[in-house]
N, C-alpha and C. Protein backbone atom coordinates (compact mmCIF):
# COMPACT_ATOMS: atom_id res chain seq x y z
N UNK A 1 200.12 53.77 89.20
CA UNK A 1 199.11 53.64 90.25
C UNK A 1 198.89 52.15 90.54
N UNK A 2 198.84 51.81 91.81
CA UNK A 2 198.66 50.41 92.21
C UNK A 2 197.24 49.95 91.88
N UNK A 3 197.14 48.69 91.44
CA UNK A 3 195.84 48.12 91.15
C UNK A 3 195.10 47.85 92.45
N UNK A 4 193.80 48.03 92.42
CA UNK A 4 192.97 47.87 93.59
C UNK A 4 192.88 46.40 94.02
N UNK A 5 192.86 46.17 95.31
CA UNK A 5 192.63 44.83 95.86
C UNK A 5 191.21 44.80 96.40
N UNK A 6 190.43 43.80 95.96
CA UNK A 6 189.05 43.66 96.38
C UNK A 6 188.95 42.71 97.56
N UNK A 7 188.22 43.12 98.60
CA UNK A 7 187.98 42.29 99.78
C UNK A 7 186.69 41.52 99.60
N UNK A 8 186.77 40.20 99.79
CA UNK A 8 185.64 39.31 99.56
C UNK A 8 185.39 38.48 100.82
N UNK A 9 184.15 38.49 101.30
CA UNK A 9 183.77 37.71 102.47
C UNK A 9 182.81 36.61 102.04
N UNK A 10 183.14 35.37 102.44
CA UNK A 10 182.28 34.21 102.19
C UNK A 10 181.62 33.84 103.50
N UNK A 11 180.29 33.73 103.47
CA UNK A 11 179.52 33.45 104.68
C UNK A 11 178.83 32.10 104.62
N UNK A 12 178.80 31.45 105.76
CA UNK A 12 178.06 30.22 105.94
C UNK A 12 177.62 30.19 107.40
N UNK A 13 176.79 29.27 107.74
CA UNK A 13 176.34 29.22 109.13
C UNK A 13 177.48 28.83 110.07
N UNK A 14 178.13 27.70 109.83
CA UNK A 14 179.13 27.18 110.75
C UNK A 14 180.55 27.65 110.52
N UNK A 15 180.85 28.19 109.34
CA UNK A 15 182.20 28.64 108.98
C UNK A 15 183.24 27.59 109.33
N UNK A 16 182.96 26.35 108.88
CA UNK A 16 183.92 25.28 109.14
C UNK A 16 184.32 24.54 107.87
N UNK A 17 183.56 24.72 106.78
CA UNK A 17 183.84 23.94 105.57
C UNK A 17 183.78 24.81 104.31
N UNK A 18 182.58 25.04 103.75
CA UNK A 18 182.45 25.73 102.46
C UNK A 18 183.06 27.12 102.45
N UNK A 19 182.73 27.93 103.42
CA UNK A 19 183.26 29.30 103.43
C UNK A 19 184.77 29.29 103.64
N UNK A 20 185.26 28.33 104.40
CA UNK A 20 186.71 28.18 104.61
C UNK A 20 187.39 27.80 103.30
N UNK A 21 186.82 26.83 102.57
CA UNK A 21 187.37 26.43 101.28
C UNK A 21 187.41 27.63 100.33
N UNK A 22 186.32 28.40 100.31
CA UNK A 22 186.25 29.56 99.41
C UNK A 22 187.29 30.62 99.78
N UNK A 23 187.48 30.86 101.07
CA UNK A 23 188.49 31.83 101.51
C UNK A 23 189.87 31.44 101.00
N UNK A 24 190.22 30.19 101.19
CA UNK A 24 191.53 29.72 100.75
C UNK A 24 191.66 29.81 99.23
N UNK A 25 190.62 29.38 98.53
CA UNK A 25 190.65 29.42 97.06
C UNK A 25 190.86 30.82 96.52
N UNK A 26 190.09 31.79 97.01
CA UNK A 26 190.21 33.13 96.43
C UNK A 26 191.55 33.77 96.79
N UNK A 27 192.07 33.44 97.96
CA UNK A 27 193.38 33.98 98.31
C UNK A 27 194.48 33.42 97.41
N UNK A 28 194.26 32.23 96.89
CA UNK A 28 195.22 31.63 95.95
C UNK A 28 194.93 32.06 94.51
N UNK A 29 193.70 31.88 94.07
CA UNK A 29 193.34 32.16 92.68
C UNK A 29 193.27 33.65 92.37
N UNK A 30 193.05 34.46 93.38
CA UNK A 30 192.94 35.91 93.19
C UNK A 30 194.26 36.60 92.89
N UNK A 31 195.34 35.89 93.06
CA UNK A 31 196.69 36.36 92.71
C UNK A 31 196.97 37.79 93.16
N UNK A 32 196.61 38.08 94.39
CA UNK A 32 196.91 39.40 94.94
C UNK A 32 195.92 40.49 94.57
N UNK A 33 194.94 40.18 93.70
CA UNK A 33 193.93 41.16 93.33
C UNK A 33 192.69 41.06 94.22
N UNK A 34 192.59 39.94 94.93
CA UNK A 34 191.47 39.70 95.83
C UNK A 34 192.02 39.21 97.16
N UNK A 35 191.39 39.67 98.24
CA UNK A 35 191.74 39.20 99.58
C UNK A 35 190.48 38.58 100.16
N UNK A 36 190.57 37.29 100.48
CA UNK A 36 189.40 36.57 100.94
C UNK A 36 189.33 36.43 102.45
N UNK A 37 188.10 36.39 102.93
CA UNK A 37 187.79 36.18 104.34
C UNK A 37 186.59 35.23 104.40
N UNK A 38 186.37 34.64 105.55
CA UNK A 38 185.17 33.82 105.76
C UNK A 38 184.68 34.03 107.18
N UNK A 39 183.38 33.77 107.36
CA UNK A 39 182.79 33.90 108.69
C UNK A 39 181.47 33.13 108.70
N UNK A 40 180.92 32.99 109.90
CA UNK A 40 179.65 32.28 110.04
C UNK A 40 178.70 33.00 110.96
N UNK A 41 177.41 32.75 110.75
CA UNK A 41 176.40 33.34 111.62
C UNK A 41 176.42 32.64 112.99
N UNK A 42 176.74 31.35 112.99
CA UNK A 42 176.87 30.56 114.22
C UNK A 42 178.10 29.68 114.06
N UNK A 43 179.29 30.29 114.12
CA UNK A 43 180.51 29.52 113.82
C UNK A 43 180.72 28.35 114.76
N UNK A 44 181.23 27.27 114.20
CA UNK A 44 181.52 26.06 114.98
C UNK A 44 182.70 26.27 115.92
N UNK A 45 183.57 27.20 115.57
CA UNK A 45 184.74 27.47 116.41
C UNK A 45 185.98 26.71 115.96
N UNK A 46 185.79 25.73 115.08
CA UNK A 46 186.93 24.99 114.52
C UNK A 46 186.68 24.76 113.04
N UNK A 47 187.76 24.64 112.31
CA UNK A 47 187.67 24.32 110.89
C UNK A 47 187.57 22.80 110.78
N UNK A 48 186.70 22.34 109.90
CA UNK A 48 186.51 20.90 109.71
C UNK A 48 187.83 20.26 109.29
N UNK A 49 188.24 19.17 109.95
CA UNK A 49 189.53 18.55 109.63
C UNK A 49 189.66 18.07 108.18
N UNK A 50 188.57 17.63 107.57
CA UNK A 50 188.65 17.19 106.17
C UNK A 50 188.90 18.39 105.26
N UNK A 51 188.33 19.55 105.60
CA UNK A 51 188.58 20.76 104.80
C UNK A 51 190.07 21.11 104.83
N UNK A 52 190.66 21.09 106.01
CA UNK A 52 192.09 21.40 106.13
C UNK A 52 192.95 20.36 105.41
N UNK A 53 192.59 19.10 105.56
CA UNK A 53 193.33 18.02 104.91
C UNK A 53 193.30 18.18 103.39
N UNK A 54 192.11 18.47 102.84
CA UNK A 54 191.95 18.63 101.40
C UNK A 54 192.74 19.84 100.90
N UNK A 55 192.63 20.95 101.59
CA UNK A 55 193.37 22.15 101.18
C UNK A 55 194.87 21.88 101.16
N UNK A 56 195.36 21.19 102.18
CA UNK A 56 196.78 20.84 102.22
C UNK A 56 197.16 19.92 101.07
N UNK A 57 196.30 18.95 100.76
CA UNK A 57 196.57 18.00 99.67
C UNK A 57 196.70 18.69 98.33
N UNK A 58 195.89 19.71 98.10
CA UNK A 58 195.91 20.39 96.80
C UNK A 58 196.81 21.63 96.81
N UNK A 59 197.52 21.84 97.91
CA UNK A 59 198.50 22.92 97.97
C UNK A 59 197.92 24.31 98.14
N UNK A 60 196.75 24.41 98.77
CA UNK A 60 196.14 25.72 99.02
C UNK A 60 196.46 26.17 100.44
N UNK A 61 196.50 27.50 100.65
CA UNK A 61 196.89 28.03 101.96
C UNK A 61 195.89 27.69 103.07
N UNK A 62 196.44 27.35 104.25
CA UNK A 62 195.59 27.04 105.41
C UNK A 62 196.02 27.80 106.67
N UNK A 63 197.17 28.47 106.61
CA UNK A 63 197.76 29.01 107.85
C UNK A 63 196.90 29.99 108.63
N UNK A 64 196.09 30.83 107.97
CA UNK A 64 195.32 31.82 108.72
C UNK A 64 193.84 31.46 108.84
N UNK A 65 193.48 30.25 108.47
CA UNK A 65 192.07 29.86 108.49
C UNK A 65 191.59 29.58 109.90
N UNK A 66 190.43 30.16 110.23
CA UNK A 66 189.81 29.91 111.52
C UNK A 66 188.32 30.17 111.42
N UNK A 67 187.56 29.48 112.24
CA UNK A 67 186.11 29.66 112.28
C UNK A 67 185.80 30.85 113.17
N UNK A 68 185.05 31.83 112.61
CA UNK A 68 184.82 33.08 113.34
C UNK A 68 183.43 33.65 113.03
N UNK A 69 182.91 34.49 113.93
CA UNK A 69 181.59 35.07 113.71
C UNK A 69 181.62 36.20 112.67
N UNK A 70 180.52 36.36 111.97
CA UNK A 70 180.46 37.37 110.93
C UNK A 70 180.47 38.79 111.48
N UNK A 71 180.11 38.97 112.77
CA UNK A 71 180.12 40.35 113.31
C UNK A 71 181.52 40.96 113.31
N UNK A 72 182.56 40.13 113.25
CA UNK A 72 183.93 40.67 113.16
C UNK A 72 184.08 41.60 111.96
N UNK A 73 183.30 41.34 110.92
CA UNK A 73 183.45 42.12 109.69
C UNK A 73 182.50 43.30 109.62
N UNK A 74 181.67 43.47 110.65
CA UNK A 74 180.80 44.64 110.74
C UNK A 74 181.29 45.58 111.83
N UNK A 75 182.35 45.19 112.53
CA UNK A 75 182.87 45.97 113.65
C UNK A 75 183.81 47.08 113.16
N UNK A 76 183.97 48.12 113.96
CA UNK A 76 184.92 49.17 113.60
C UNK A 76 186.33 48.57 113.41
N UNK A 77 187.02 49.04 112.39
CA UNK A 77 188.36 48.56 112.11
C UNK A 77 188.42 47.32 111.23
N UNK A 78 187.24 46.76 110.90
CA UNK A 78 187.21 45.58 110.02
C UNK A 78 187.56 46.01 108.59
N UNK A 79 188.05 45.08 107.80
CA UNK A 79 188.34 45.41 106.40
C UNK A 79 187.08 45.89 105.69
N UNK A 80 187.21 46.86 104.81
CA UNK A 80 186.08 47.33 104.00
C UNK A 80 185.81 46.26 102.96
N UNK A 81 184.59 45.75 102.95
CA UNK A 81 184.22 44.65 102.06
C UNK A 81 183.69 45.18 100.73
N UNK A 82 184.13 44.55 99.65
CA UNK A 82 183.63 44.89 98.32
C UNK A 82 182.55 43.91 97.88
N UNK A 83 182.69 42.63 98.33
CA UNK A 83 181.76 41.58 97.94
C UNK A 83 181.50 40.68 99.14
N UNK A 84 180.24 40.24 99.26
CA UNK A 84 179.86 39.27 100.29
C UNK A 84 179.04 38.19 99.61
N UNK A 85 179.51 36.94 99.70
CA UNK A 85 178.84 35.80 99.09
C UNK A 85 178.41 34.81 100.17
N UNK A 86 177.14 34.43 100.16
CA UNK A 86 176.70 33.35 101.03
C UNK A 86 176.88 32.05 100.24
N UNK A 87 177.39 31.03 100.91
CA UNK A 87 177.64 29.75 100.23
C UNK A 87 176.77 28.63 100.80
N UNK A 88 175.89 28.98 101.73
CA UNK A 88 174.93 27.99 102.22
C UNK A 88 173.56 28.64 102.28
N UNK A 89 172.54 27.81 102.10
CA UNK A 89 171.18 28.33 102.05
C UNK A 89 170.73 28.93 103.37
N UNK A 90 171.19 28.36 104.50
CA UNK A 90 170.79 28.91 105.80
C UNK A 90 171.29 30.35 105.96
N UNK A 91 172.56 30.59 105.67
CA UNK A 91 173.11 31.93 105.82
C UNK A 91 172.44 32.91 104.86
N UNK A 92 172.07 32.42 103.68
CA UNK A 92 171.41 33.29 102.69
C UNK A 92 170.07 33.78 103.21
N UNK A 93 169.40 32.98 104.03
CA UNK A 93 168.09 33.35 104.54
C UNK A 93 168.13 34.13 105.84
N UNK A 94 169.29 34.26 106.43
CA UNK A 94 169.39 34.96 107.71
C UNK A 94 169.57 36.46 107.50
N UNK A 95 169.22 37.21 108.52
CA UNK A 95 169.44 38.65 108.47
C UNK A 95 170.90 38.90 108.80
N UNK A 96 171.61 39.44 107.83
CA UNK A 96 173.04 39.70 108.00
C UNK A 96 173.25 41.02 108.71
N UNK A 97 174.43 41.18 109.30
CA UNK A 97 174.76 42.49 109.88
C UNK A 97 174.82 43.53 108.77
N UNK A 98 174.84 44.79 109.15
CA UNK A 98 175.05 45.87 108.19
C UNK A 98 176.52 45.85 107.81
N UNK A 99 176.80 45.77 106.52
CA UNK A 99 178.19 45.78 106.06
C UNK A 99 178.55 47.19 105.63
N UNK A 100 179.46 47.84 106.33
CA UNK A 100 179.88 49.19 105.92
C UNK A 100 180.38 49.17 104.47
N UNK A 101 180.08 50.24 103.74
CA UNK A 101 180.56 50.35 102.37
C UNK A 101 179.64 49.74 101.34
N UNK A 102 178.55 49.15 101.75
CA UNK A 102 177.56 48.54 100.86
C UNK A 102 178.19 47.62 99.81
N UNK A 103 178.79 46.51 100.26
CA UNK A 103 179.37 45.57 99.31
C UNK A 103 178.28 44.94 98.43
N UNK A 104 178.68 44.46 97.27
CA UNK A 104 177.76 43.74 96.40
C UNK A 104 177.64 42.33 96.95
N UNK A 105 176.40 41.84 97.04
CA UNK A 105 176.16 40.52 97.62
C UNK A 105 175.56 39.57 96.58
N UNK A 106 175.80 38.29 96.78
CA UNK A 106 175.20 37.26 95.94
C UNK A 106 175.18 35.95 96.72
N UNK A 107 174.31 35.06 96.29
CA UNK A 107 174.22 33.73 96.92
C UNK A 107 174.81 32.70 95.98
N UNK A 108 175.80 31.97 96.46
CA UNK A 108 176.47 30.92 95.70
C UNK A 108 176.33 29.61 96.44
N UNK A 109 175.14 29.14 96.64
CA UNK A 109 174.89 27.93 97.42
C UNK A 109 175.61 26.69 96.91
N UNK A 110 176.21 25.98 97.84
CA UNK A 110 176.93 24.74 97.56
C UNK A 110 176.49 23.73 98.63
N UNK A 111 176.21 22.48 98.23
CA UNK A 111 175.81 21.47 99.23
C UNK A 111 176.87 21.35 100.34
N UNK A 112 176.40 21.15 101.56
CA UNK A 112 177.28 21.12 102.73
C UNK A 112 178.01 19.78 102.84
N UNK A 113 179.32 19.76 102.60
CA UNK A 113 180.04 18.50 102.71
C UNK A 113 180.13 18.00 104.15
N UNK A 114 180.08 18.90 105.11
CA UNK A 114 180.18 18.50 106.51
C UNK A 114 178.92 17.78 106.98
N UNK A 115 177.83 17.90 106.23
CA UNK A 115 176.58 17.24 106.61
C UNK A 115 176.45 15.84 106.03
N UNK A 116 177.40 15.46 105.19
CA UNK A 116 177.33 14.14 104.56
C UNK A 116 177.59 13.05 105.58
N UNK A 117 176.69 12.08 105.61
CA UNK A 117 176.87 10.92 106.47
C UNK A 117 177.22 9.75 105.58
N UNK A 118 178.05 8.88 106.07
CA UNK A 118 178.45 7.74 105.27
C UNK A 118 179.91 7.41 105.52
N UNK A 119 180.51 6.76 104.55
CA UNK A 119 181.90 6.34 104.69
C UNK A 119 182.84 7.54 104.60
N UNK A 120 184.08 7.32 105.02
CA UNK A 120 185.09 8.37 104.90
C UNK A 120 185.28 8.77 103.44
N UNK A 121 185.19 7.80 102.55
CA UNK A 121 185.32 8.09 101.11
C UNK A 121 184.19 9.00 100.65
N UNK A 122 182.98 8.73 101.08
CA UNK A 122 181.84 9.57 100.71
C UNK A 122 182.00 10.99 101.25
N UNK A 123 182.47 11.11 102.48
CA UNK A 123 182.68 12.44 103.08
C UNK A 123 183.76 13.20 102.32
N UNK A 124 184.88 12.54 102.02
CA UNK A 124 185.97 13.20 101.30
C UNK A 124 185.54 13.60 99.88
N UNK A 125 184.72 12.76 99.26
CA UNK A 125 184.20 13.08 97.93
C UNK A 125 183.32 14.32 98.00
N UNK A 126 182.51 14.44 99.03
CA UNK A 126 181.65 15.62 99.19
C UNK A 126 182.50 16.88 99.34
N UNK A 127 183.57 16.80 100.10
CA UNK A 127 184.46 17.96 100.25
C UNK A 127 185.14 18.31 98.92
N UNK A 128 185.58 17.29 98.18
CA UNK A 128 186.20 17.55 96.87
C UNK A 128 185.21 18.19 95.91
N UNK A 129 183.95 17.72 95.94
CA UNK A 129 182.92 18.30 95.08
C UNK A 129 182.65 19.76 95.44
N UNK A 130 182.60 20.06 96.73
CA UNK A 130 182.39 21.44 97.17
C UNK A 130 183.56 22.32 96.72
N UNK A 131 184.78 21.81 96.88
CA UNK A 131 185.96 22.56 96.46
C UNK A 131 185.92 22.83 94.96
N UNK A 132 185.57 21.83 94.16
CA UNK A 132 185.50 22.00 92.70
C UNK A 132 184.45 23.03 92.32
N UNK A 133 183.28 22.97 92.95
CA UNK A 133 182.20 23.92 92.64
C UNK A 133 182.64 25.34 92.97
N UNK A 134 183.23 25.51 94.14
CA UNK A 134 183.68 26.84 94.54
C UNK A 134 184.82 27.33 93.65
N UNK A 135 185.72 26.43 93.31
CA UNK A 135 186.84 26.80 92.44
C UNK A 135 186.33 27.30 91.09
N UNK A 136 185.37 26.60 90.52
CA UNK A 136 184.80 27.00 89.24
C UNK A 136 184.19 28.40 89.33
N UNK A 137 183.42 28.64 90.36
CA UNK A 137 182.76 29.94 90.53
C UNK A 137 183.78 31.05 90.79
N UNK A 138 184.76 30.77 91.60
CA UNK A 138 185.76 31.78 91.93
C UNK A 138 186.62 32.11 90.71
N UNK A 139 186.92 31.12 89.89
CA UNK A 139 187.67 31.39 88.66
C UNK A 139 186.88 32.31 87.73
N UNK A 140 185.58 32.07 87.60
CA UNK A 140 184.74 32.94 86.77
C UNK A 140 184.74 34.35 87.37
N UNK A 141 184.53 34.44 88.68
CA UNK A 141 184.48 35.73 89.36
C UNK A 141 185.78 36.51 89.19
N UNK A 142 186.90 35.87 89.43
CA UNK A 142 188.19 36.59 89.37
C UNK A 142 188.58 36.97 87.94
N UNK A 143 187.90 36.40 86.95
CA UNK A 143 188.20 36.77 85.56
C UNK A 143 187.31 37.91 85.06
N UNK A 144 186.33 38.32 85.86
CA UNK A 144 185.45 39.42 85.44
C UNK A 144 186.21 40.74 85.37
N UNK A 145 185.86 41.59 84.40
CA UNK A 145 186.48 42.93 84.33
C UNK A 145 185.77 43.87 85.32
N UNK A 146 185.95 43.63 86.60
CA UNK A 146 185.19 44.30 87.66
C UNK A 146 185.23 45.82 87.53
N UNK A 147 186.39 46.38 87.31
CA UNK A 147 186.54 47.84 87.26
C UNK A 147 185.76 48.47 86.11
N UNK A 148 185.47 47.70 85.06
CA UNK A 148 184.78 48.27 83.90
C UNK A 148 183.28 47.98 83.89
N UNK A 149 182.77 47.28 84.90
CA UNK A 149 181.34 46.96 84.95
C UNK A 149 180.62 47.88 85.92
N UNK A 150 179.42 48.32 85.53
CA UNK A 150 178.62 49.11 86.48
C UNK A 150 178.07 48.17 87.54
N UNK A 151 177.64 48.72 88.64
CA UNK A 151 177.19 47.93 89.79
C UNK A 151 176.06 46.95 89.44
N UNK A 152 175.09 47.40 88.65
CA UNK A 152 173.96 46.54 88.31
C UNK A 152 174.41 45.36 87.44
N UNK A 153 175.24 45.61 86.47
CA UNK A 153 175.73 44.54 85.61
C UNK A 153 176.57 43.56 86.42
N UNK A 154 177.40 44.09 87.29
CA UNK A 154 178.23 43.23 88.13
C UNK A 154 177.36 42.35 89.02
N UNK A 155 176.33 42.91 89.61
CA UNK A 155 175.42 42.14 90.46
C UNK A 155 174.75 41.02 89.63
N UNK A 156 174.33 41.32 88.41
CA UNK A 156 173.72 40.31 87.55
C UNK A 156 174.71 39.18 87.25
N UNK A 157 175.96 39.54 86.99
CA UNK A 157 176.98 38.52 86.70
C UNK A 157 177.24 37.65 87.92
N UNK A 158 177.29 38.26 89.10
CA UNK A 158 177.54 37.51 90.33
C UNK A 158 176.39 36.56 90.63
N UNK A 159 175.16 37.02 90.41
CA UNK A 159 174.01 36.15 90.60
C UNK A 159 174.06 34.98 89.62
N UNK A 160 174.44 35.24 88.39
CA UNK A 160 174.54 34.18 87.38
C UNK A 160 175.60 33.15 87.77
N UNK A 161 176.71 33.61 88.32
CA UNK A 161 177.75 32.69 88.79
C UNK A 161 177.17 31.77 89.87
N UNK A 162 176.36 32.32 90.74
CA UNK A 162 175.73 31.53 91.80
C UNK A 162 174.77 30.49 91.28
N UNK A 163 174.30 30.66 90.04
CA UNK A 163 173.39 29.69 89.44
C UNK A 163 174.12 28.64 88.62
N UNK A 164 175.45 28.70 88.62
CA UNK A 164 176.24 27.69 87.93
C UNK A 164 176.02 26.36 88.63
N UNK A 165 175.63 25.31 87.90
CA UNK A 165 175.39 24.01 88.55
C UNK A 165 176.63 23.50 89.29
N UNK A 166 176.38 22.84 90.41
CA UNK A 166 177.46 22.22 91.17
C UNK A 166 177.34 20.72 91.03
N UNK A 167 178.45 20.03 91.20
CA UNK A 167 178.42 18.57 91.12
C UNK A 167 177.52 18.04 92.22
N UNK A 168 176.68 17.13 91.85
CA UNK A 168 175.76 16.54 92.83
C UNK A 168 174.45 17.29 92.91
N UNK A 169 174.33 18.44 92.19
CA UNK A 169 173.06 19.16 92.22
C UNK A 169 172.20 18.69 91.07
N UNK A 170 170.93 19.00 91.14
CA UNK A 170 170.03 18.56 90.07
C UNK A 170 169.67 19.70 89.17
C-alpha cells in the first residue's frame, strides 16, 4: 500500500516571502511525503526577488512558486488540505476561508523579512533568518509520526512547533 502524501498550505498576507520559503522547504524536506502550497489573503502578485535568489542559492526548488490568493485552495477541485499553517501574525488574525476536509491548523509566526528596511546585507540576513526558522520548524514537523498521533495530540505538537523561538525574536 502506498504511503499517504500530506498536503500542507502555508498562509501569509502577501504570499511573497515567508509562505513561499515554507512551500519550497517542505517540498524539498518532505521527501515526497508532503506536498506544500502557499497563498495569501492579499497576495502581492509576485514573489519577492530576494526569496527567489536565496532559494536558488541554497538549491531549493523555485520553478512552480507564485504569489496567489488563498481562495484558490477553498475552491472546488483544489487539493484536499491536511494542514494549514499561518506564518505571519496578520494572516493568523484574519478570517480564513472554509477549508474542505477540516485540516489541522497552527500559527508559526516568523518575522517578515520583506518588511526589513536597511542595507541589502540586512535584508538578505532577514531572509536567511526566516528561512532558517522555517527550516527548523518544518524539519520537526516532517519528523512527527503523524499517522500514529490522534488529532488532539497532533494539534498540540503543531502549536508547540509554532512556539519554537526564531532568530531575532525575543
